[in-house]
């Protein structure tokens, strides 16, 4: 005996939406802000090898107020001669209020000529955006800016 199951388009759509809702509820996407900040600090410590970044040499340019967290413009610049002896190797971008704090990592070499990158990032809500630069001599520098988000971008 065979049974034929027929679904209308509406029933199939509702089943799909329900499955997505259940899957997102089971995920780790909705963590408290404290856990996100700890995640950001852990990422920075791992990136720096435990060294405490000094303020300076890094300029992080993000808007003070972002009307939409889905697309926040970001520019990072690190003062460096970019020579074989003295250059930026990596820059880590962290958002301490996102469900996953790591936003981007940029890699540089002396051939880059300048240690600068720009992109658009996604922010879940008002939070700190942190840029940490690792230099060829092992020193690390950072800049931190708070961005006030009026419409969240990561499910907020």
N, C-alpha and C. Protein backbone atom coordinates (compact mmCIF):
# COMPACT_ATOMS: atom_id res chain seq x y z
N UNK A 1 0.84 -1.16 0.00
CA UNK A 1 0.00 0.00 0.00
C UNK A 1 0.89 1.23 0.00
N UNK A 2 0.69 2.10 -0.94
CA UNK A 2 1.47 3.33 -1.03
C UNK A 2 0.59 4.50 -0.61
N UNK A 3 1.23 5.46 0.00
CA UNK A 3 0.52 6.63 0.47
C UNK A 3 1.09 7.85 -0.26
N UNK A 4 0.24 8.66 -0.78
CA UNK A 4 0.68 9.83 -1.51
C UNK A 4 0.47 11.06 -0.63
N UNK A 5 1.57 11.79 -0.42
CA UNK A 5 1.52 12.99 0.40
C UNK A 5 1.59 14.20 -0.53
N UNK A 6 0.61 15.04 -0.46
CA UNK A 6 0.59 16.23 -1.30
C UNK A 6 0.62 17.46 -0.40
N UNK A 7 1.55 18.34 -0.70
CA UNK A 7 1.67 19.60 0.04
C UNK A 7 1.36 20.75 -0.89
N UNK A 8 0.63 21.69 -0.38
CA UNK A 8 0.41 22.90 -1.17
C UNK A 8 1.67 23.75 -1.05
N UNK A 9 1.79 24.72 -1.90
CA UNK A 9 2.93 25.63 -1.85
C UNK A 9 2.99 26.34 -0.48
N UNK A 10 1.85 26.76 0.01
CA UNK A 10 1.80 27.44 1.30
C UNK A 10 2.26 26.52 2.43
N UNK A 11 1.83 25.26 2.43
CA UNK A 11 2.25 24.33 3.47
C UNK A 11 3.76 24.07 3.41
N UNK A 12 4.30 23.95 2.21
CA UNK A 12 5.74 23.74 2.06
C UNK A 12 6.52 24.95 2.56
N UNK A 13 6.03 26.14 2.25
CA UNK A 13 6.69 27.36 2.70
C UNK A 13 6.65 27.46 4.22
N UNK A 14 5.50 27.18 4.82
CA UNK A 14 5.39 27.23 6.28
C UNK A 14 6.29 26.19 6.95
N UNK A 15 6.40 25.02 6.36
CA UNK A 15 7.29 23.99 6.91
C UNK A 15 8.74 24.46 6.85
N UNK A 16 9.13 25.09 5.76
CA UNK A 16 10.50 25.61 5.63
C UNK A 16 10.79 26.70 6.62
N UNK A 17 9.85 27.63 6.80
CA UNK A 17 10.03 28.72 7.76
C UNK A 17 10.14 28.15 9.17
N UNK A 18 9.32 27.18 9.48
CA UNK A 18 9.37 26.56 10.80
C UNK A 18 10.70 25.87 11.05
N UNK A 19 11.22 25.19 10.03
CA UNK A 19 12.51 24.51 10.17
C UNK A 19 13.63 25.52 10.41
N UNK A 20 13.60 26.64 9.71
CA UNK A 20 14.62 27.68 9.90
C UNK A 20 14.52 28.27 11.31
N UNK A 21 13.30 28.49 11.78
CA UNK A 21 13.10 29.05 13.13
C UNK A 21 13.64 28.09 14.19
N UNK A 22 13.38 26.81 14.03
CA UNK A 22 13.88 25.82 14.99
C UNK A 22 15.40 25.76 14.94
N UNK A 23 15.97 25.75 13.74
CA UNK A 23 17.43 25.68 13.59
C UNK A 23 18.10 26.89 14.20
N UNK A 24 17.55 28.08 14.00
CA UNK A 24 18.18 29.28 14.56
C UNK A 24 18.03 29.31 16.07
N UNK A 25 16.97 28.74 16.60
CA UNK A 25 16.78 28.67 18.04
C UNK A 25 17.74 27.71 18.71
N UNK A 26 18.17 26.69 17.99
CA UNK A 26 19.10 25.70 18.55
C UNK A 26 20.54 26.16 18.47
N UNK A 27 20.83 27.11 17.60
CA UNK A 27 22.21 27.57 17.40
C UNK A 27 22.69 28.41 18.56
N UNK A 28 23.98 28.77 18.48
CA UNK A 28 24.59 29.58 19.53
C UNK A 28 24.57 31.05 19.15
N UNK A 29 23.73 31.44 18.25
CA UNK A 29 23.73 32.82 17.77
C UNK A 29 23.29 33.84 18.79
N UNK A 30 22.47 33.47 19.76
CA UNK A 30 21.97 34.45 20.72
C UNK A 30 22.65 34.26 22.06
N UNK A 31 23.86 34.81 22.17
CA UNK A 31 24.60 34.71 23.42
C UNK A 31 24.54 36.05 24.14
N UNK A 32 24.67 36.05 25.44
CA UNK A 32 24.65 37.31 26.17
C UNK A 32 25.85 38.17 25.81
N UNK A 33 25.72 39.49 26.05
CA UNK A 33 26.78 40.43 25.71
C UNK A 33 28.08 40.12 26.46
N UNK A 34 27.98 39.61 27.68
CA UNK A 34 29.18 39.29 28.45
C UNK A 34 29.98 38.21 27.74
N UNK A 35 29.31 37.20 27.21
CA UNK A 35 30.00 36.13 26.50
C UNK A 35 30.65 36.67 25.24
N UNK A 36 30.00 37.60 24.56
CA UNK A 36 30.57 38.18 23.35
C UNK A 36 31.82 38.99 23.68
N UNK A 37 31.81 39.74 24.78
CA UNK A 37 32.98 40.52 25.18
C UNK A 37 34.13 39.59 25.55
N UNK A 38 33.82 38.50 26.25
CA UNK A 38 34.86 37.52 26.59
C UNK A 38 35.43 36.89 25.32
N UNK A 39 34.57 36.63 24.34
CA UNK A 39 35.00 36.08 23.06
C UNK A 39 35.94 37.07 22.37
N UNK A 40 35.61 38.35 22.39
CA UNK A 40 36.45 39.39 21.78
C UNK A 40 37.80 39.44 22.47
N UNK A 41 37.81 39.44 23.80
CA UNK A 41 39.08 39.48 24.54
C UNK A 41 39.92 38.25 24.27
N UNK A 42 39.29 37.09 24.18
CA UNK A 42 40.03 35.85 23.88
C UNK A 42 40.63 35.90 22.48
N UNK A 43 39.89 36.42 21.51
CA UNK A 43 40.43 36.55 20.16
C UNK A 43 41.63 37.48 20.11
N UNK A 44 41.53 38.60 20.83
CA UNK A 44 42.64 39.55 20.85
C UNK A 44 43.87 38.93 21.52
N UNK A 45 43.67 38.25 22.64
CA UNK A 45 44.80 37.61 23.34
C UNK A 45 45.46 36.53 22.47
N UNK A 46 44.64 35.77 21.75
CA UNK A 46 45.18 34.74 20.86
C UNK A 46 45.96 35.40 19.72
N UNK A 47 45.43 36.47 19.16
CA UNK A 47 46.06 37.18 18.04
C UNK A 47 47.39 37.80 18.47
N UNK A 48 47.44 38.37 19.68
CA UNK A 48 48.65 39.05 20.15
C UNK A 48 49.63 38.11 20.85
N UNK A 49 49.24 36.87 21.04
CA UNK A 49 50.10 35.94 21.75
C UNK A 49 50.18 36.27 23.24
N UNK A 50 49.15 36.92 23.76
CA UNK A 50 49.10 37.27 25.17
C UNK A 50 49.65 38.66 25.49
N UNK A 51 50.23 39.32 24.51
CA UNK A 51 50.76 40.67 24.73
C UNK A 51 49.62 41.67 24.81
N UNK A 52 49.79 42.68 25.66
CA UNK A 52 48.79 43.73 25.81
C UNK A 52 49.02 44.78 24.73
N UNK A 53 48.04 45.01 23.84
CA UNK A 53 48.23 46.01 22.79
C UNK A 53 48.31 47.43 23.36
N UNK A 54 49.21 48.23 22.79
CA UNK A 54 49.33 49.63 23.18
C UNK A 54 48.42 50.47 22.28
N UNK A 55 47.90 51.56 22.82
CA UNK A 55 47.12 52.47 22.00
C UNK A 55 48.10 53.27 21.13
N UNK A 56 47.68 53.53 19.90
CA UNK A 56 48.51 54.32 19.00
C UNK A 56 48.84 53.57 17.73
N UNK A 57 49.34 54.31 16.76
CA UNK A 57 49.74 53.83 15.43
C UNK A 57 48.59 53.29 14.59
N UNK A 58 47.48 52.91 15.21
CA UNK A 58 46.32 52.38 14.48
C UNK A 58 45.22 53.45 14.50
N UNK A 59 44.66 53.71 13.33
CA UNK A 59 43.54 54.63 13.22
C UNK A 59 42.35 53.86 12.67
N UNK A 60 41.32 53.74 13.47
CA UNK A 60 40.09 53.05 13.07
C UNK A 60 39.04 54.11 12.79
N UNK A 61 38.50 54.09 11.59
CA UNK A 61 37.49 55.07 11.20
C UNK A 61 36.17 54.35 10.96
N UNK A 62 35.25 54.51 11.90
CA UNK A 62 33.89 53.97 11.79
C UNK A 62 32.95 55.10 12.20
N UNK A 63 31.71 55.08 11.72
CA UNK A 63 30.79 56.16 12.11
C UNK A 63 30.43 56.07 13.60
N UNK A 64 30.21 57.21 14.20
CA UNK A 64 29.80 57.24 15.60
C UNK A 64 28.40 56.66 15.76
N UNK A 65 27.54 56.94 14.78
CA UNK A 65 26.17 56.41 14.77
C UNK A 65 25.94 55.73 13.43
N UNK A 66 25.52 54.47 13.48
CA UNK A 66 25.19 53.73 12.27
C UNK A 66 23.69 53.50 12.26
N UNK A 67 23.03 53.99 11.23
CA UNK A 67 21.58 53.83 11.16
C UNK A 67 21.17 52.39 10.86
N UNK A 68 22.07 51.63 10.26
CA UNK A 68 21.76 50.25 9.90
C UNK A 68 22.98 49.39 10.21
N UNK A 69 22.84 48.45 11.15
CA UNK A 69 23.95 47.58 11.53
C UNK A 69 24.34 46.58 10.46
N UNK A 70 23.51 46.42 9.42
CA UNK A 70 23.83 45.46 8.36
C UNK A 70 24.99 45.89 7.50
N UNK A 71 25.25 47.19 7.42
CA UNK A 71 26.29 47.67 6.52
C UNK A 71 26.94 48.93 7.09
N UNK A 72 27.95 48.73 7.92
CA UNK A 72 28.65 49.83 8.58
C UNK A 72 30.01 50.00 7.91
N UNK A 73 30.28 51.18 7.33
CA UNK A 73 31.58 51.39 6.69
C UNK A 73 32.70 51.44 7.72
N UNK A 74 33.84 50.85 7.37
CA UNK A 74 34.97 50.80 8.28
C UNK A 74 36.26 50.97 7.49
N UNK A 75 37.17 51.78 8.02
CA UNK A 75 38.48 51.98 7.41
C UNK A 75 39.50 51.86 8.53
N UNK A 76 40.58 51.14 8.28
CA UNK A 76 41.64 51.02 9.27
C UNK A 76 42.97 51.36 8.59
N UNK A 77 43.78 52.14 9.30
CA UNK A 77 45.09 52.55 8.80
C UNK A 77 46.11 52.38 9.92
N UNK A 78 47.27 51.84 9.59
CA UNK A 78 48.34 51.67 10.57
C UNK A 78 49.57 52.43 10.10
N UNK A 79 50.09 53.31 10.96
CA UNK A 79 51.31 54.06 10.64
C UNK A 79 52.48 53.09 10.62
N UNK A 80 53.14 52.98 9.47
CA UNK A 80 54.27 52.09 9.33
C UNK A 80 55.03 52.44 8.07
N UNK A 81 56.38 52.37 8.10
CA UNK A 81 57.14 52.62 6.88
C UNK A 81 56.99 51.50 5.85
N UNK A 82 56.51 50.35 6.28
CA UNK A 82 56.28 49.18 5.41
C UNK A 82 57.56 48.77 4.68
N UNK A 83 58.67 48.74 5.42
CA UNK A 83 59.94 48.26 4.89
C UNK A 83 60.12 46.81 5.33
N UNK A 84 61.15 46.15 4.80
CA UNK A 84 61.42 44.77 5.20
C UNK A 84 61.68 44.66 6.69
N UNK A 85 62.32 45.67 7.27
CA UNK A 85 62.67 45.65 8.68
C UNK A 85 61.52 46.07 9.59
N UNK A 86 60.62 46.92 9.10
CA UNK A 86 59.56 47.47 9.95
C UNK A 86 58.27 47.57 9.14
N UNK A 87 57.36 46.62 9.37
CA UNK A 87 56.09 46.64 8.65
C UNK A 87 54.98 45.98 9.47
N UNK A 88 53.77 46.22 9.03
CA UNK A 88 52.59 45.60 9.64
C UNK A 88 52.43 44.23 9.00
N UNK A 89 52.19 43.21 9.83
CA UNK A 89 51.97 41.87 9.27
C UNK A 89 50.48 41.53 9.19
N UNK A 90 49.73 41.89 10.24
CA UNK A 90 48.31 41.54 10.29
C UNK A 90 47.53 42.59 11.06
N UNK A 91 46.26 42.74 10.71
CA UNK A 91 45.33 43.58 11.46
C UNK A 91 44.07 42.77 11.71
N UNK A 92 43.66 42.68 12.96
CA UNK A 92 42.45 41.97 13.38
C UNK A 92 41.38 43.00 13.71
N UNK A 93 40.17 42.78 13.18
CA UNK A 93 39.02 43.63 13.51
C UNK A 93 38.05 42.80 14.34
N UNK A 94 37.66 43.34 15.49
CA UNK A 94 36.78 42.64 16.42
C UNK A 94 35.62 43.56 16.78
N UNK A 95 34.42 42.99 16.87
CA UNK A 95 33.23 43.71 17.35
C UNK A 95 32.78 43.00 18.62
N UNK A 96 32.93 43.66 19.77
CA UNK A 96 32.74 42.96 21.04
C UNK A 96 31.29 42.70 21.44
N UNK A 97 30.32 43.10 20.61
CA UNK A 97 28.93 42.82 20.92
C UNK A 97 28.26 41.90 19.92
N UNK A 98 28.99 41.46 18.91
CA UNK A 98 28.43 40.53 17.92
C UNK A 98 28.39 39.11 18.49
N UNK A 99 27.48 38.29 18.00
CA UNK A 99 27.44 36.89 18.45
C UNK A 99 28.78 36.18 18.25
N UNK A 100 29.47 36.53 17.19
CA UNK A 100 30.83 36.05 16.95
C UNK A 100 31.68 37.30 16.77
N UNK A 101 32.61 37.50 17.69
CA UNK A 101 33.33 38.77 17.77
C UNK A 101 34.27 39.03 16.59
N UNK A 102 34.87 38.00 16.04
CA UNK A 102 35.82 38.19 14.94
C UNK A 102 35.11 38.68 13.69
N UNK A 103 35.55 39.82 13.17
CA UNK A 103 34.91 40.40 11.99
C UNK A 103 35.77 40.17 10.76
N UNK A 104 37.07 40.51 10.85
CA UNK A 104 37.96 40.38 9.69
C UNK A 104 39.41 40.36 10.14
N UNK A 105 40.25 39.75 9.33
CA UNK A 105 41.70 39.81 9.51
C UNK A 105 42.31 40.18 8.17
N UNK A 106 43.16 41.19 8.19
CA UNK A 106 43.84 41.64 6.98
C UNK A 106 45.33 41.31 7.13
N UNK A 107 45.93 40.80 6.06
CA UNK A 107 47.35 40.43 6.07
C UNK A 107 48.10 41.39 5.16
N UNK A 108 49.27 41.84 5.63
CA UNK A 108 50.09 42.78 4.88
C UNK A 108 51.52 42.28 4.77
N UNK A 109 52.25 42.85 3.84
CA UNK A 109 53.68 42.59 3.69
C UNK A 109 54.33 43.91 3.26
N UNK A 110 55.65 43.99 3.24
CA UNK A 110 56.29 45.22 2.76
C UNK A 110 55.84 45.60 1.35
N UNK A 111 55.47 44.61 0.56
CA UNK A 111 55.02 44.89 -0.81
C UNK A 111 53.64 45.56 -0.84
N UNK A 112 52.94 45.56 0.28
CA UNK A 112 51.63 46.22 0.33
C UNK A 112 51.78 47.73 0.16
N UNK A 113 52.92 48.26 0.58
CA UNK A 113 53.18 49.69 0.43
C UNK A 113 52.55 50.53 1.52
N UNK A 114 51.34 50.22 1.90
CA UNK A 114 50.63 50.93 2.97
C UNK A 114 49.74 49.92 3.69
N UNK A 115 49.64 50.10 4.99
CA UNK A 115 48.80 49.20 5.78
C UNK A 115 47.45 49.86 5.99
N UNK A 116 46.59 49.69 5.01
CA UNK A 116 45.27 50.28 5.06
C UNK A 116 44.27 49.34 4.41
N UNK A 117 43.09 49.25 5.01
CA UNK A 117 42.03 48.42 4.45
C UNK A 117 40.69 49.06 4.77
N UNK A 118 39.73 48.87 3.88
CA UNK A 118 38.38 49.34 4.16
C UNK A 118 37.38 48.33 3.65
N UNK A 119 36.27 48.28 4.35
CA UNK A 119 35.20 47.34 4.01
C UNK A 119 33.94 47.80 4.72
N UNK A 120 32.91 47.02 4.62
CA UNK A 120 31.69 47.25 5.38
C UNK A 120 31.52 46.06 6.30
N UNK A 121 31.15 46.34 7.54
CA UNK A 121 31.01 45.29 8.53
C UNK A 121 29.57 45.25 9.04
N UNK A 122 29.24 44.16 9.70
CA UNK A 122 27.89 43.96 10.23
C UNK A 122 27.97 43.98 11.76
N UNK A 123 27.12 44.81 12.37
CA UNK A 123 27.11 44.93 13.83
C UNK A 123 25.73 44.61 14.37
N UNK A 124 25.70 43.79 15.42
CA UNK A 124 24.43 43.36 16.01
C UNK A 124 23.73 44.46 16.78
N UNK A 125 24.46 45.43 17.24
CA UNK A 125 23.89 46.53 18.03
C UNK A 125 25.00 47.46 18.44
N UNK A 126 24.70 48.40 19.32
CA UNK A 126 25.70 49.34 19.81
C UNK A 126 26.81 48.57 20.51
N UNK A 127 28.05 48.85 20.13
CA UNK A 127 29.18 48.10 20.66
C UNK A 127 30.50 48.74 20.28
N UNK A 128 31.58 48.19 20.81
CA UNK A 128 32.93 48.64 20.46
C UNK A 128 33.44 47.86 19.26
N UNK A 129 34.07 48.58 18.35
CA UNK A 129 34.80 47.96 17.25
C UNK A 129 36.27 48.19 17.57
N UNK A 130 37.06 47.13 17.50
CA UNK A 130 38.46 47.18 17.92
C UNK A 130 39.34 46.71 16.76
N UNK A 131 40.39 47.48 16.48
CA UNK A 131 41.38 47.09 15.48
C UNK A 131 42.71 46.86 16.20
N UNK A 132 43.31 45.70 15.97
CA UNK A 132 44.59 45.36 16.59
C UNK A 132 45.57 45.06 15.47
N UNK A 133 46.72 45.76 15.49
CA UNK A 133 47.74 45.57 14.46
C UNK A 133 48.95 44.87 15.05
N UNK A 134 49.45 43.87 14.32
CA UNK A 134 50.65 43.15 14.72
C UNK A 134 51.78 43.60 13.81
N UNK A 135 52.89 44.02 14.40
CA UNK A 135 54.03 44.52 13.65
C UNK A 135 55.07 43.42 13.46
N UNK A 136 55.98 43.63 12.51
CA UNK A 136 56.99 42.62 12.20
C UNK A 136 57.94 42.37 13.38
N UNK A 137 58.10 43.34 14.29
CA UNK A 137 58.98 43.15 15.44
C UNK A 137 58.24 42.51 16.63
N UNK A 138 56.97 42.15 16.44
CA UNK A 138 56.19 41.49 17.48
C UNK A 138 55.37 42.44 18.33
N UNK A 139 55.56 43.75 18.19
CA UNK A 139 54.76 44.70 18.96
C UNK A 139 53.34 44.74 18.42
N UNK A 140 52.40 45.12 19.28
CA UNK A 140 50.99 45.18 18.89
C UNK A 140 50.39 46.51 19.33
N UNK A 141 49.55 47.07 18.47
CA UNK A 141 48.91 48.35 18.73
C UNK A 141 47.42 48.22 18.43
N UNK A 142 46.64 49.14 19.00
CA UNK A 142 45.20 49.03 18.79
C UNK A 142 44.52 50.39 18.80
N UNK A 143 43.30 50.38 18.30
CA UNK A 143 42.39 51.52 18.41
C UNK A 143 41.01 50.94 18.65
N UNK A 144 40.18 51.68 19.37
CA UNK A 144 38.85 51.21 19.74
C UNK A 144 37.86 52.36 19.55
N UNK A 145 36.73 52.06 18.92
CA UNK A 145 35.68 53.06 18.74
C UNK A 145 34.34 52.44 19.07
N UNK A 146 33.48 53.21 19.72
CA UNK A 146 32.13 52.75 19.97
C UNK A 146 31.25 53.20 18.81
N UNK A 147 30.41 52.27 18.33
CA UNK A 147 29.46 52.58 17.26
C UNK A 147 28.07 52.36 17.84
N UNK A 148 27.25 53.39 17.77
CA UNK A 148 25.86 53.30 18.22
C UNK A 148 25.02 52.88 17.03
N UNK A 149 24.41 51.71 17.11
CA UNK A 149 23.61 51.15 16.01
C UNK A 149 22.14 51.33 16.35
N UNK A 150 21.39 51.93 15.41
CA UNK A 150 19.96 52.15 15.65
C UNK A 150 19.12 50.98 15.16
N UNK A 151 19.56 50.26 14.13
CA UNK A 151 18.89 49.05 13.66
C UNK A 151 19.93 47.97 13.60
N UNK A 152 19.73 46.88 14.38
CA UNK A 152 20.72 45.81 14.47
C UNK A 152 20.90 45.05 13.17
N UNK A 153 22.11 44.52 12.99
CA UNK A 153 22.42 43.81 11.76
C UNK A 153 22.57 42.32 11.91
N UNK A 154 22.74 41.81 13.12
CA UNK A 154 22.94 40.37 13.33
C UNK A 154 21.77 39.81 14.10
N UNK A 155 20.59 40.01 13.56
CA UNK A 155 19.40 39.48 14.20
C UNK A 155 18.80 40.41 15.24
N UNK A 156 19.33 41.65 15.34
CA UNK A 156 18.84 42.58 16.35
C UNK A 156 17.89 43.61 15.80
